[in-house]
PDB file of N, CA and C in Angstrom:
ATOM      1  N   UNK A   1     -54.467  24.408-146.986  1.00  0.00           N
ATOM      2  CA  UNK A   1     -54.072  25.598-147.662  1.00  0.00           C
ATOM      3  C   UNK A   1     -55.149  25.931-148.687  1.00  0.00           C
ATOM      4  N   UNK A   2     -55.439  27.219-148.806  1.00  0.00           N
ATOM      5  CA  UNK A   2     -56.362  27.726-149.826  1.00  0.00           C
ATOM      6  C   UNK A   2     -55.566  28.655-150.728  1.00  0.00           C
ATOM      7  N   UNK A   3     -55.534  28.352-152.007  1.00  0.00           N
ATOM      8  CA  UNK A   3     -54.799  29.160-152.977  1.00  0.00           C
ATOM      9  C   UNK A   3     -55.795  30.031-153.729  1.00  0.00           C
ATOM     10  N   UNK A   4     -55.728  31.353-153.533  1.00  0.00           N
ATOM     11  CA  UNK A   4     -56.631  32.287-154.198  1.00  0.00           C
ATOM     12  C   UNK A   4     -55.914  32.907-155.386  1.00  0.00           C
ATOM     13  N   UNK A   5     -56.526  32.796-156.550  1.00  0.00           N
ATOM     14  CA  UNK A   5     -55.944  33.336-157.774  1.00  0.00           C
ATOM     15  C   UNK A   5     -56.911  34.372-158.337  1.00  0.00           C
ATOM     16  N   UNK A   6     -56.423  35.577-158.608  1.00  0.00           N
ATOM     17  CA  UNK A   6     -57.298  36.625-159.123  1.00  0.00           C
ATOM     18  C   UNK A   6     -57.685  36.355-160.575  1.00  0.00           C
ATOM     19  N   UNK A   7     -58.858  36.845-160.934  1.00  0.00           N
ATOM     20  CA  UNK A   7     -59.366  36.736-162.300  1.00  0.00           C
ATOM     21  C   UNK A   7     -59.196  38.104-162.954  1.00  0.00           C
ATOM     22  N   UNK A   8     -58.205  38.241-163.813  1.00  0.00           N
ATOM     23  CA  UNK A   8     -57.917  39.529-164.441  1.00  0.00           C
ATOM     24  C   UNK A   8     -59.022  40.001-165.367  1.00  0.00           C
ATOM     25  N   UNK A   9     -59.934  39.112-165.776  1.00  0.00           N
ATOM     26  CA  UNK A   9     -61.043  39.478-166.655  1.00  0.00           C
ATOM     27  C   UNK A   9     -62.297  39.898-165.880  1.00  0.00           C
ATOM     28  N   UNK A  10     -62.279  39.787-164.561  1.00  0.00           N
ATOM     29  CA  UNK A  10     -63.447  40.141-163.753  1.00  0.00           C
ATOM     30  C   UNK A  10     -63.630  41.655-163.729  1.00  0.00           C
ATOM     31  N   UNK A  11     -64.898  42.090-163.734  1.00  0.00           N
ATOM     32  CA  UNK A  11     -65.183  43.528-163.735  1.00  0.00           C
ATOM     33  C   UNK A  11     -64.992  44.133-162.343  1.00  0.00           C
ATOM     34  N   UNK A  12     -65.117  43.330-161.292  1.00  0.00           N
ATOM     35  CA  UNK A  12     -64.972  43.831-159.914  1.00  0.00           C
ATOM     36  C   UNK A  12     -63.919  43.001-159.186  1.00  0.00           C
ATOM     37  N   UNK A  13     -62.895  43.644-158.692  1.00  0.00           N
ATOM     38  CA  UNK A  13     -61.826  42.966-157.939  1.00  0.00           C
ATOM     39  C   UNK A  13     -61.866  43.472-156.492  1.00  0.00           C
ATOM     40  N   UNK A  14     -62.466  42.724-155.574  1.00  0.00           N
ATOM     41  CA  UNK A  14     -62.526  43.171-154.177  1.00  0.00           C
ATOM     42  C   UNK A  14     -61.136  43.186-153.540  1.00  0.00           C
ATOM     43  N   UNK A  15     -60.966  44.043-152.543  1.00  0.00           N
ATOM     44  CA  UNK A  15     -59.688  44.148-151.839  1.00  0.00           C
ATOM     45  C   UNK A  15     -59.544  43.069-150.772  1.00  0.00           C
ATOM     46  N   UNK A  16     -60.678  42.548-150.291  1.00  0.00           N
ATOM     47  CA  UNK A  16     -60.632  41.507-149.261  1.00  0.00           C
ATOM     48  C   UNK A  16     -61.597  40.377-149.602  1.00  0.00           C
ATOM     49  N   UNK A  17     -61.314  39.228-149.028  1.00  0.00           N
ATOM     50  CA  UNK A  17     -62.142  38.038-149.151  1.00  0.00           C
ATOM     51  C   UNK A  17     -62.427  37.579-147.727  1.00  0.00           C
ATOM     52  N   UNK A  18     -63.667  37.285-147.400  1.00  0.00           N
ATOM     53  CA  UNK A  18     -64.008  36.830-146.052  1.00  0.00           C
ATOM     54  C   UNK A  18     -64.252  35.331-146.069  1.00  0.00           C
ATOM     55  N   UNK A  19     -63.609  34.649-145.131  1.00  0.00           N
ATOM     56  CA  UNK A  19     -63.827  33.214-144.953  1.00  0.00           C
ATOM     57  C   UNK A  19     -64.457  33.031-143.566  1.00  0.00           C
ATOM     58  N   UNK A  20     -65.458  32.187-143.498  1.00  0.00           N
ATOM     59  CA  UNK A  20     -66.130  31.943-142.232  1.00  0.00           C
ATOM     60  C   UNK A  20     -65.770  30.589-141.665  1.00  0.00           C
ATOM     61  N   UNK A  21     -65.590  30.537-140.359  1.00  0.00           N
ATOM     62  CA  UNK A  21     -65.273  29.293-139.662  1.00  0.00           C
ATOM     63  C   UNK A  21     -66.306  29.113-138.547  1.00  0.00           C
ATOM     64  N   UNK A  22     -66.946  27.938-138.515  1.00  0.00           N
ATOM     65  CA  UNK A  22     -67.922  27.629-137.474  1.00  0.00           C
ATOM     66  C   UNK A  22     -67.449  26.423-136.671  1.00  0.00           C
ATOM     67  N   UNK A  23     -67.658  26.483-135.363  1.00  0.00           N
ATOM     68  CA  UNK A  23     -67.318  25.368-134.470  1.00  0.00           C
ATOM     69  C   UNK A  23     -68.430  25.205-133.440  1.00  0.00           C
ATOM     70  N   UNK A  24     -68.400  24.091-132.750  1.00  0.00           N
ATOM     71  CA  UNK A  24     -69.315  23.862-131.644  1.00  0.00           C
ATOM     72  C   UNK A  24     -70.619  23.223-132.066  1.00  0.00           C
ATOM     73  N   UNK A  25     -71.360  22.762-131.074  1.00  0.00           N
ATOM     74  CA  UNK A  25     -72.678  22.170-131.305  1.00  0.00           C
ATOM     75  C   UNK A  25     -73.497  22.312-130.031  1.00  0.00           C
ATOM     76  N   UNK A  26     -74.801  22.134-130.187  1.00  0.00           N
ATOM     77  CA  UNK A  26     -75.727  22.228-129.066  1.00  0.00           C
ATOM     78  C   UNK A  26     -76.959  21.399-129.422  1.00  0.00           C
ATOM     79  N   UNK A  27     -77.791  21.111-128.432  1.00  0.00           N
ATOM     80  CA  UNK A  27     -79.053  20.418-128.700  1.00  0.00           C
ATOM     81  C   UNK A  27     -80.194  21.381-128.407  1.00  0.00           C
ATOM     82  N   UNK A  28     -81.113  21.515-129.376  1.00  0.00           N
ATOM     83  CA  UNK A  28     -82.302  22.341-129.197  1.00  0.00           C
ATOM     84  C   UNK A  28     -83.508  21.491-129.560  1.00  0.00           C
ATOM     85  N   UNK A  29     -84.412  21.319-128.621  1.00  0.00           N
ATOM     86  CA  UNK A  29     -85.607  20.492-128.815  1.00  0.00           C
ATOM     87  C   UNK A  29     -85.241  19.085-129.277  1.00  0.00           C
ATOM     88  N   UNK A  30     -84.134  18.540-128.745  1.00  0.00           N
ATOM     89  CA  UNK A  30     -83.708  17.191-129.078  1.00  0.00           C
ATOM     90  C   UNK A  30     -82.990  17.055-130.410  1.00  0.00           C
ATOM     91  N   UNK A  31     -82.752  18.168-131.098  1.00  0.00           N
ATOM     92  CA  UNK A  31     -82.068  18.151-132.396  1.00  0.00           C
ATOM     93  C   UNK A  31     -80.689  18.779-132.234  1.00  0.00           C
ATOM     94  N   UNK A  32     -79.660  18.095-132.740  1.00  0.00           N
ATOM     95  CA  UNK A  32     -78.303  18.619-132.650  1.00  0.00           C
ATOM     96  C   UNK A  32     -78.107  19.739-133.677  1.00  0.00           C
ATOM     97  N   UNK A  33     -77.647  20.888-133.201  1.00  0.00           N
ATOM     98  CA  UNK A  33     -77.397  22.056-134.035  1.00  0.00           C
ATOM     99  C   UNK A  33     -75.886  22.250-134.119  1.00  0.00           C
ATOM    100  N   UNK A  34     -75.363  22.309-135.334  1.00  0.00           N
ATOM    101  CA  UNK A  34     -73.923  22.469-135.540  1.00  0.00           C
ATOM    102  C   UNK A  34     -73.589  23.942-135.770  1.00  0.00           C
ATOM    103  N   UNK A  35     -72.343  24.310-135.514  1.00  0.00           N
ATOM    104  CA  UNK A  35     -71.855  25.666-135.809  1.00  0.00           C
ATOM    105  C   UNK A  35     -72.445  26.724-134.909  1.00  0.00           C
ATOM    106  N   UNK A  36     -72.456  26.475-133.606  1.00  0.00           N
ATOM    107  CA  UNK A  36     -73.046  27.438-132.680  1.00  0.00           C
ATOM    108  C   UNK A  36     -72.161  28.653-132.434  1.00  0.00           C
ATOM    109  N   UNK A  37     -70.903  28.558-132.751  1.00  0.00           N
ATOM    110  CA  UNK A  37     -69.980  29.686-132.632  1.00  0.00           C
ATOM    111  C   UNK A  37     -69.295  29.881-133.986  1.00  0.00           C
ATOM    112  N   UNK A  38     -69.160  31.136-134.393  1.00  0.00           N
ATOM    113  CA  UNK A  38     -68.554  31.390-135.698  1.00  0.00           C
ATOM    114  C   UNK A  38     -67.729  32.670-135.671  1.00  0.00           C
ATOM    115  N   UNK A  39     -66.853  32.770-136.656  1.00  0.00           N
ATOM    116  CA  UNK A  39     -66.021  33.957-136.827  1.00  0.00           C
ATOM    117  C   UNK A  39     -65.780  34.143-138.326  1.00  0.00           C
ATOM    118  N   UNK A  40     -65.732  35.408-138.765  1.00  0.00           N
ATOM    119  CA  UNK A  40     -65.360  35.725-140.143  1.00  0.00           C
ATOM    120  C   UNK A  40     -63.939  36.262-140.131  1.00  0.00           C
ATOM    121  N   UNK A  41     -63.122  35.752-141.028  1.00  0.00           N
ATOM    122  CA  UNK A  41     -61.710  36.162-141.115  1.00  0.00           C
ATOM    123  C   UNK A  41     -61.503  36.866-142.444  1.00  0.00           C
ATOM    124  N   UNK A  42     -61.202  38.176-142.420  1.00  0.00           N
ATOM    125  CA  UNK A  42     -60.936  38.871-143.677  1.00  0.00           C
ATOM    126  C   UNK A  42     -59.529  38.548-144.179  1.00  0.00           C
ATOM    127  N   UNK A  43     -59.420  38.288-145.479  1.00  0.00           N
ATOM    128  CA  UNK A  43     -58.129  37.984-146.087  1.00  0.00           C
ATOM    129  C   UNK A  43     -57.844  39.062-147.134  1.00  0.00           C
ATOM    130  N   UNK A  44     -56.750  39.760-146.991  1.00  0.00           N
ATOM    131  CA  UNK A  44     -56.354  40.835-147.906  1.00  0.00           C
ATOM    132  C   UNK A  44     -55.929  40.245-149.247  1.00  0.00           C
ATOM    133  N   UNK A  45     -56.498  40.745-150.350  1.00  0.00           N
ATOM    134  CA  UNK A  45     -56.216  40.184-151.666  1.00  0.00           C
ATOM    135  C   UNK A  45     -55.292  41.042-152.519  1.00  0.00           C
ATOM    136  N   UNK A  46     -54.799  42.130-151.992  1.00  0.00           N
ATOM    137  CA  UNK A  46     -53.914  42.991-152.775  1.00  0.00           C
ATOM    138  C   UNK A  46     -52.467  42.566-152.632  1.00  0.00           C
ATOM    139  N   UNK A  47     -51.682  42.894-153.619  1.00  0.00           N
ATOM    140  CA  UNK A  47     -50.247  42.541-153.577  1.00  0.00           C
ATOM    141  C   UNK A  47     -49.448  43.550-152.804  1.00  0.00           C
TER     142      UNK A  47
END
């Protein structure tokens, strides 16, 4: 669980927050590369 709490003293209050999730791996030139697939999930911050 992620608990997001607004900062009432902040000068800019965005309407959304984006969280990114990466999964998967691959090998390129013998080096393992992580996070080959990703998605951004917008989270609405308004009440």
